[in-house]
Amino acid sequence: MKAVGYLEPQAIDKDTALMDIELDKPTATGRDLLVKVQAVSVNPVDTKVRRSAKPDDGQVKVLGWDAVGEVVATGDQAQWFNVGDKVWYAGDITRAGSNAEYQLVDERIVGAKPQSLSDADAAALPLTGITAWELLFDRLDFTPRGSSESEAGKPQARILIVGAAGGVGSILTQLAAKLTNAVVIGTASREQTQQWVEALGADHVINHHQPMQPQLAELGIENVSHVISLTHTDQHFEQLVEVLAPQGKLALIDDPALPLDVMKLKRKSLSLHWELMFTRAMFTTWDIAKQHELLTQLAQMIDDGTLKTTVGEHFGTINATNLKRAHAHIESNQAVGKIVLEGF
C-alpha cells in the first residue's frame, strides 16, 4: 500500500524528511478496524513527532492523527462497525498513523462520519474536536448546556482562549460559545485571524502579542475564571497568572519550551490542568470508549448545524510533497484553521 513516512527525524526542508513509500497492508484483529483512508488533516503534533521521534532501526515512521475513511475489514472482537461504514477518528499516537492507504484503529476511539460533510471537511475535526471537548468538559468540569446538571448560583465563567484561531482553538471557541454560558475571549494577532475567531462565536478578541490585562480592562473584564492556553504557554505564563481570578483554572495542551514555575499559582490557589487526547488510547483507560461517544456527539452537532468545519486550506492529494508543504506551513505559525488532504 502507498504511505508517507520517514526513517529519521529531520527538518522539513530536507529531501527525506517525508518520503513516499510502499508498505504491507495490515490485517485487522481483536477490536481493530481496517480503514481505507480517504482524507486526513495535519496537526502540530505531526510536526513535533517528525522532528523528535526516531523510528526503530530499519522501520519507517508513518504520521497522521486525523482521518476519514471506509471500513474494509473488522477484527474478530469488533462490535460497533461493519464493512462499508464511513468513519472518522484521531487514532493512537503509539501506532502507525493515517498517512497511508490503509490503517488499523481500535473501534472504541472511532465514530461514524458526519453525513453532512465531505470527507476532507470532516477530516479537519476529530483530534481537535476531542481535545476541545475534553478540555472543557473533562478537565475544566464545565457542564454542557442542556444538561440536567444545574449551574444555578455560580458566577458567570469567563474563558480566555490563547491561540483561538488555530486548529484546537477553532473548534474550542465554537464549543465554548454554543455549549457553555461563559463569556468567551479569544486571542489572535492578525486581522485575518481576529475576524476568524469572531466568526466562530467569540464574544471578544484580544491580541496576545500585547499585554493582556489592559486589553481585558478596556472590555470591562477585571479577570477571567478559566484560561485555556493552546500555544506558547511559557511566553504568556506570567500574564496568564496575572489575569486569572483567585481559585481560577489554567489548562494547556502545548509543550512549554521553558519550565513553568507552578509556585506562582499558589497565592491565588490556581489549579493546573493538562490535556492530551491520546491518553485514553495510549493507556487503554477504563473509559477509552468515551472517545467513540464524543465523536458521535460531535457528528450529531455538525449534522444539526450547531458546529461547522474548521478547514483552513486544502493541500491536495496525500503524498510526501504535499505533506511537507503542510508541515512547513504549520511550523510557520501562520496557519488559520486546519490543513486537509484527500486521496492517494
Protein backbone atom coordinates (compact mmCIF):
# COMPACT_ATOMS: atom_id res chain seq x y z
CA MET A 1 0.00 0.00 0.00
CA LYS A 2 1.04 3.61 -0.51
CA ALA A 3 2.18 5.56 2.54
CA VAL A 4 4.23 8.59 3.58
CA GLY A 5 6.85 8.30 6.31
CA TYR A 6 10.44 8.90 7.40
CA LEU A 7 13.48 6.99 8.66
CA GLU A 8 14.99 9.62 10.94
CA PRO A 9 13.90 12.94 12.46
CA GLN A 10 14.81 15.90 10.26
CA ALA A 11 13.93 19.50 9.46
CA ILE A 12 11.09 19.68 6.97
CA ASP A 13 13.28 21.27 4.27
CA LYS A 14 15.35 18.07 3.99
CA ASP A 15 14.57 15.87 0.98
CA THR A 16 13.96 12.77 3.11
CA ALA A 17 12.03 14.49 5.93
CA LEU A 18 8.93 12.78 4.49
CA MET A 19 9.02 10.19 1.70
CA ASP A 20 6.55 8.31 -0.48
CA ILE A 21 6.93 4.63 0.38
CA GLU A 22 5.27 1.22 -0.05
CA LEU A 23 4.25 -0.88 2.98
CA ASP A 24 2.41 -4.15 3.52
CA LYS A 25 -1.33 -3.84 4.01
CA PRO A 26 -2.16 -4.58 7.68
CA THR A 27 -4.68 -7.15 8.96
CA ALA A 28 -7.47 -6.40 11.45
CA THR A 29 -7.64 -8.47 14.66
CA GLY A 30 -9.34 -8.04 18.05
CA ARG A 31 -11.33 -4.79 18.25
CA ASP A 32 -9.44 -3.17 15.38
CA LEU A 33 -10.97 -1.86 12.19
CA LEU A 34 -9.05 -1.79 8.93
CA VAL A 35 -9.91 1.54 7.34
CA LYS A 36 -9.23 2.64 3.77
CA VAL A 37 -8.13 6.20 4.36
CA GLN A 38 -9.83 8.80 2.16
CA ALA A 39 -8.91 12.14 3.78
CA VAL A 40 -6.61 13.39 6.53
CA SER A 41 -5.66 16.62 8.24
CA VAL A 42 -2.34 17.75 9.67
CA ASN A 43 -1.85 18.85 13.27
CA PRO A 44 1.06 20.41 15.19
CA VAL A 45 1.65 17.01 16.80
CA ASP A 46 2.62 15.66 13.36
CA THR A 47 5.43 18.20 13.11
CA LYS A 48 6.59 17.64 16.71
CA VAL A 49 6.82 13.87 16.25
CA ARG A 50 8.57 14.24 12.88
CA ARG A 51 11.21 16.47 14.46
CA SER A 52 11.88 14.32 17.51
CA ALA A 53 10.78 10.67 17.28
CA LYS A 54 13.31 8.22 15.83
CA PRO A 55 11.77 5.02 14.42
CA ASP A 56 13.20 1.64 15.34
CA ASP A 57 16.17 0.69 13.18
CA GLY A 58 15.08 -0.08 9.65
CA GLN A 59 11.48 0.87 10.33
CA VAL A 60 9.52 3.69 8.74
CA LYS A 61 7.51 6.07 10.93
CA VAL A 62 4.09 6.89 9.47
CA LEU A 63 2.48 10.03 10.90
CA GLY A 64 -1.12 11.26 10.78
CA TRP A 65 -3.68 11.59 13.58
CA ASP A 66 -6.86 12.62 11.84
CA ALA A 67 -8.66 10.54 9.26
CA VAL A 68 -11.90 9.85 7.44
CA GLY A 69 -12.29 6.57 5.61
CA GLU A 70 -14.27 3.42 4.91
CA VAL A 71 -14.16 0.24 6.98
CA VAL A 72 -12.92 -2.60 4.76
CA ALA A 73 -12.38 -5.29 7.43
CA THR A 74 -13.08 -5.83 11.13
CA GLY A 75 -11.30 -7.78 13.86
CA ASP A 76 -12.91 -10.84 15.40
CA GLN A 77 -13.98 -8.90 18.53
CA ALA A 78 -15.24 -5.73 16.80
CA GLN A 79 -18.87 -4.97 17.65
CA TRP A 80 -19.85 -1.46 16.56
CA PHE A 81 -18.96 -1.12 12.87
CA ASN A 82 -19.41 -3.09 9.67
CA VAL A 83 -17.60 -3.25 6.35
CA GLY A 84 -18.69 -0.27 4.24
CA ASP A 85 -19.25 2.11 7.18
CA LYS A 86 -17.81 5.63 6.77
CA VAL A 87 -15.88 6.61 9.90
CA TRP A 88 -13.73 9.35 11.39
CA TYR A 89 -11.16 9.28 14.19
CA ALA A 90 -7.91 10.73 15.55
CA GLY A 91 -6.16 7.44 16.23
CA ASP A 92 -3.44 6.48 18.69
CA ILE A 93 -0.02 8.16 18.75
CA THR A 94 1.66 4.85 19.67
CA ARG A 95 0.52 3.18 16.42
CA ALA A 96 1.07 3.74 12.70
CA GLY A 97 -0.74 6.87 11.54
CA SER A 98 -3.23 7.82 8.84
CA ASN A 99 -0.78 8.93 6.15
CA ALA A 100 -1.27 5.56 4.47
CA GLU A 101 -3.84 3.94 2.20
CA TYR A 102 -4.95 1.59 4.98
CA GLN A 103 -4.82 1.99 8.76
CA LEU A 104 -5.68 -0.11 11.79
CA VAL A 105 -7.62 1.67 14.56
CA ASP A 106 -9.39 0.49 17.71
CA GLU A 107 -13.13 0.88 17.18
CA ARG A 108 -13.53 2.33 20.69
CA ILE A 109 -11.91 5.58 19.51
CA VAL A 110 -13.84 5.73 16.21
CA GLY A 111 -17.14 7.42 15.33
CA ALA A 112 -19.47 7.45 12.34
CA LYS A 113 -18.54 10.29 9.98
CA PRO A 114 -20.90 13.30 9.87
CA GLN A 115 -23.25 12.81 6.94
CA SER A 116 -23.41 16.49 6.03
CA LEU A 117 -19.67 16.99 5.45
CA SER A 118 -17.35 15.95 2.66
CA ASP A 119 -14.51 13.62 3.59
CA ALA A 120 -11.98 16.47 3.60
CA ASP A 121 -14.16 18.79 5.67
CA ALA A 122 -14.79 16.05 8.22
CA ALA A 123 -11.10 15.14 8.45
CA ALA A 124 -10.35 18.56 9.96
CA LEU A 125 -12.18 17.82 13.18
CA PRO A 126 -11.55 14.57 15.12
CA LEU A 127 -8.33 15.36 17.02
CA THR A 128 -9.17 18.99 17.68
CA GLY A 129 -12.79 18.20 18.47
CA ILE A 130 -11.87 15.57 21.05
CA THR A 131 -9.17 17.81 22.54
CA ALA A 132 -11.55 20.76 22.85
CA TRP A 133 -14.35 18.65 24.33
CA GLU A 134 -12.05 17.00 26.88
CA LEU A 135 -10.60 20.40 27.86
CA LEU A 136 -13.98 21.94 28.57
CA PHE A 137 -15.97 19.06 30.00
CA ASP A 138 -13.43 16.55 31.36
CA ARG A 139 -10.54 18.72 32.56
CA LEU A 140 -12.31 22.00 33.47
CA ASP A 141 -15.64 20.45 34.52
CA PHE A 142 -17.93 22.69 32.52
CA THR A 143 -21.49 21.42 32.16
CA PRO A 144 -22.77 21.24 28.57
CA ARG A 145 -25.76 23.50 28.01
CA GLY A 146 -28.95 21.45 28.13
CA SER A 147 -27.52 19.02 30.67
CA SER A 148 -29.58 18.12 33.72
CA GLU A 149 -26.79 19.48 35.95
CA SER A 150 -27.56 22.93 37.30
CA GLU A 151 -25.31 25.99 37.03
CA ALA A 152 -27.57 27.96 39.40
CA GLY A 153 -25.70 30.04 41.96
CA LYS A 154 -22.41 30.02 40.10
CA PRO A 155 -20.97 33.30 38.80
CA GLN A 156 -20.72 33.55 35.02
CA ALA A 157 -17.49 31.98 33.81
CA ARG A 158 -15.06 33.97 31.70
CA ILE A 159 -12.86 31.83 29.45
CA LEU A 160 -9.69 33.19 27.84
CA ILE A 161 -8.54 31.02 24.91
CA VAL A 162 -4.94 31.73 23.92
CA GLY A 163 -4.39 30.86 20.25
CA ALA A 164 -8.06 30.75 19.35
CA ALA A 165 -7.54 30.79 15.57
CA GLY A 166 -5.61 27.53 15.38
CA GLY A 167 -6.95 24.02 14.91
CA VAL A 168 -7.98 23.30 18.51
CA GLY A 169 -8.92 26.93 19.13
CA SER A 170 -11.26 26.98 16.15
CA ILE A 171 -13.45 24.16 17.47
CA LEU A 172 -12.95 25.06 21.16
CA THR A 173 -14.27 28.58 20.56
CA GLN A 174 -17.40 27.14 18.95
CA LEU A 175 -17.98 24.63 21.74
CA ALA A 176 -17.47 27.23 24.46
CA ALA A 177 -19.81 29.69 22.73
CA LYS A 178 -22.52 27.14 21.92
CA LEU A 179 -22.43 24.77 24.90
CA THR A 180 -21.48 26.92 27.90
CA ASN A 181 -22.86 30.12 29.39
CA ALA A 182 -19.37 31.62 29.66
CA VAL A 183 -18.10 34.87 28.22
CA VAL A 184 -15.59 33.69 25.60
CA ILE A 185 -12.48 35.77 24.91
CA GLY A 186 -10.15 34.53 22.17
CA THR A 187 -6.67 35.76 21.34
CA ALA A 188 -5.43 36.36 17.79
CA SER A 189 -2.74 38.70 16.49
CA ARG A 190 -3.63 39.39 12.85
CA GLU A 191 -6.73 40.97 11.30
CA GLN A 192 -7.47 37.77 9.36
CA THR A 193 -7.27 35.57 12.45
CA GLN A 194 -9.19 38.05 14.59
CA GLN A 195 -12.06 38.01 12.09
CA TRP A 196 -11.94 34.20 12.01
CA VAL A 197 -12.25 33.97 15.81
CA GLU A 198 -15.13 36.45 15.86
CA ALA A 199 -16.94 34.44 13.19
CA LEU A 200 -16.56 31.31 15.34
CA GLY A 201 -18.58 32.94 18.11
CA ALA A 202 -16.11 34.58 20.50
CA ASP A 203 -17.62 37.45 22.49
CA HIS A 204 -14.31 39.36 22.40
CA VAL A 205 -10.92 39.06 20.69
CA ILE A 206 -7.66 40.43 22.08
CA ASN A 207 -4.07 40.38 20.78
CA HIS A 208 -1.69 38.01 22.60
CA HIS A 209 1.29 40.00 21.29
CA GLN A 210 0.23 42.89 23.51
CA PRO A 211 -0.25 43.00 27.31
CA MET A 212 -3.48 41.14 28.08
CA GLN A 213 -4.57 42.75 31.34
CA PRO A 214 -5.07 46.27 29.85
CA GLN A 215 -6.98 44.83 26.90
CA LEU A 216 -9.31 42.95 29.22
CA ALA A 217 -9.76 46.05 31.37
CA GLU A 218 -10.81 48.04 28.28
CA LEU A 219 -13.54 45.43 27.78
CA GLY A 220 -14.69 45.88 31.37
CA ILE A 221 -13.36 42.45 32.35
CA GLU A 222 -11.42 42.52 35.63
CA ASN A 223 -10.20 38.93 35.42
CA VAL A 224 -11.04 35.55 33.93
CA SER A 225 -12.10 32.38 35.68
CA HIS A 226 -10.51 30.00 33.16
CA VAL A 227 -7.55 30.17 30.79
CA ILE A 228 -7.06 27.59 28.07
CA SER A 229 -3.57 28.07 26.64
CA LEU A 230 -3.05 26.32 23.32
CA THR A 231 0.33 27.71 22.28
CA HIS A 232 3.46 29.42 23.67
CA THR A 233 2.33 28.94 27.27
CA ASP A 234 5.84 29.62 28.58
CA GLN A 235 5.86 33.04 26.88
CA HIS A 236 2.49 34.05 28.34
CA PHE A 237 2.63 32.29 31.72
CA GLU A 238 3.22 35.37 33.88
CA GLN A 239 0.35 37.21 32.20
CA LEU A 240 -1.98 34.22 32.48
CA VAL A 241 -1.38 34.04 36.24
CA GLU A 242 -2.00 37.79 36.41
CA VAL A 243 -5.36 37.74 34.59
CA LEU A 244 -6.75 34.67 36.35
CA ALA A 245 -9.17 35.25 39.22
CA PRO A 246 -8.45 33.69 42.61
CA GLN A 247 -9.34 29.97 42.51
CA GLY A 248 -9.22 30.11 38.72
CA LYS A 249 -8.18 27.27 36.43
CA LEU A 250 -5.38 27.10 33.86
CA ALA A 251 -5.45 24.36 31.20
CA LEU A 252 -2.86 23.78 28.50
CA ILE A 253 -2.03 21.39 25.68
CA ASP A 254 1.34 22.57 24.36
CA ASP A 255 4.89 21.67 25.36
CA PRO A 256 6.40 24.75 27.02
CA ALA A 257 9.98 25.34 25.97
CA LEU A 258 10.86 26.55 29.46
CA PRO A 259 9.83 25.05 32.82
CA LEU A 260 6.73 26.64 34.33
CA ASP A 261 7.11 27.96 37.88
CA VAL A 262 3.97 26.40 39.34
CA MET A 263 4.67 28.08 42.70
CA LYS A 264 3.28 31.25 41.10
CA LEU A 265 -0.14 29.55 41.16
CA LYS A 266 -0.20 29.11 44.93
CA ARG A 267 -1.11 32.62 46.11
CA LYS A 268 -4.36 32.59 44.15
CA SER A 269 -4.99 28.85 44.68
CA LEU A 270 -4.95 28.38 40.92
CA SER A 271 -5.23 24.86 39.51
CA LEU A 272 -3.29 23.47 36.54
CA HIS A 273 -4.81 21.01 34.07
CA TRP A 274 -3.09 19.14 31.23
CA GLU A 275 -4.95 17.74 28.24
CA LEU A 276 -3.62 15.11 25.85
CA MET A 277 -6.32 13.46 23.77
CA PHE A 278 -4.14 10.39 23.21
CA THR A 279 -4.14 9.43 26.91
CA ARG A 280 -7.19 7.18 26.75
CA ALA A 281 -5.86 5.24 23.75
CA MET A 282 -2.24 5.09 24.96
CA PHE A 283 -3.17 3.58 28.32
CA THR A 284 -6.38 1.76 27.27
CA THR A 285 -8.14 3.51 30.15
CA TRP A 286 -11.36 2.16 31.60
CA ASP A 287 -13.26 4.89 29.73
CA ILE A 288 -11.47 4.56 26.37
CA ALA A 289 -14.85 4.26 24.62
CA LYS A 290 -15.62 7.82 25.74
CA GLN A 291 -13.90 9.00 22.55
CA HIS A 292 -16.34 6.94 20.46
CA GLU A 293 -19.15 8.73 22.31
CA LEU A 294 -17.56 12.17 21.85
CA LEU A 295 -17.11 11.68 18.11
CA THR A 296 -20.73 10.54 17.86
CA GLN A 297 -21.91 13.69 19.67
CA LEU A 298 -19.71 15.94 17.55
CA ALA A 299 -21.05 14.36 14.35
CA GLN A 300 -24.62 14.99 15.51
CA MET A 301 -23.82 18.62 16.32
CA ILE A 302 -22.30 19.12 12.89
CA ASP A 303 -25.22 17.49 11.11
CA ASP A 304 -27.75 19.62 13.00
CA GLY A 305 -25.82 22.81 12.18
CA THR A 306 -24.56 23.60 15.69
CA LEU A 307 -20.90 23.29 14.71
CA LYS A 308 -19.07 23.91 11.45
CA THR A 309 -15.90 22.53 9.97
CA THR A 310 -12.66 24.33 10.73
CA VAL A 311 -10.90 23.70 7.40
CA GLY A 312 -8.49 26.48 6.53
CA GLU A 313 -6.80 25.14 3.39
CA HIS A 314 -6.94 22.05 1.14
CA PHE A 315 -3.43 20.96 0.11
CA GLY A 316 -4.40 18.35 -2.50
CA THR A 317 -3.69 14.62 -2.53
CA ILE A 318 -1.94 12.69 0.24
CA ASN A 319 1.72 12.45 -0.78
CA ALA A 320 5.12 13.43 0.57
CA THR A 321 5.35 16.68 -1.38
CA ASN A 322 2.01 18.00 -0.17
CA LEU A 323 2.53 16.81 3.39
CA LYS A 324 5.90 18.56 3.51
CA ARG A 325 4.15 21.76 2.41
CA ALA A 326 1.59 21.27 5.17
CA HIS A 327 4.23 20.67 7.86
CA ALA A 328 6.17 23.76 6.75
CA HIS A 329 3.03 25.90 6.84
CA ILE A 330 2.15 24.75 10.36
CA GLU A 331 5.71 25.38 11.54
CA SER A 332 5.47 28.94 10.17
CA ASN A 333 2.73 29.65 12.76
CA GLN A 334 0.66 31.27 10.01
CA ALA A 335 -2.00 28.57 9.65
CA VAL A 336 -5.64 29.52 10.14
CA GLY A 337 -7.91 26.57 10.85
CA LYS A 338 -6.88 23.12 9.62
CA ILE A 339 -4.94 21.86 6.60
CA VAL A 340 -6.58 18.87 4.88
CA LEU A 341 -5.50 16.44 2.16
CA GLU A 342 -7.57 13.90 0.27
CA GLY A 343 -6.95 10.65 -1.67
CA PHE A 344 -3.77 8.90 -2.80
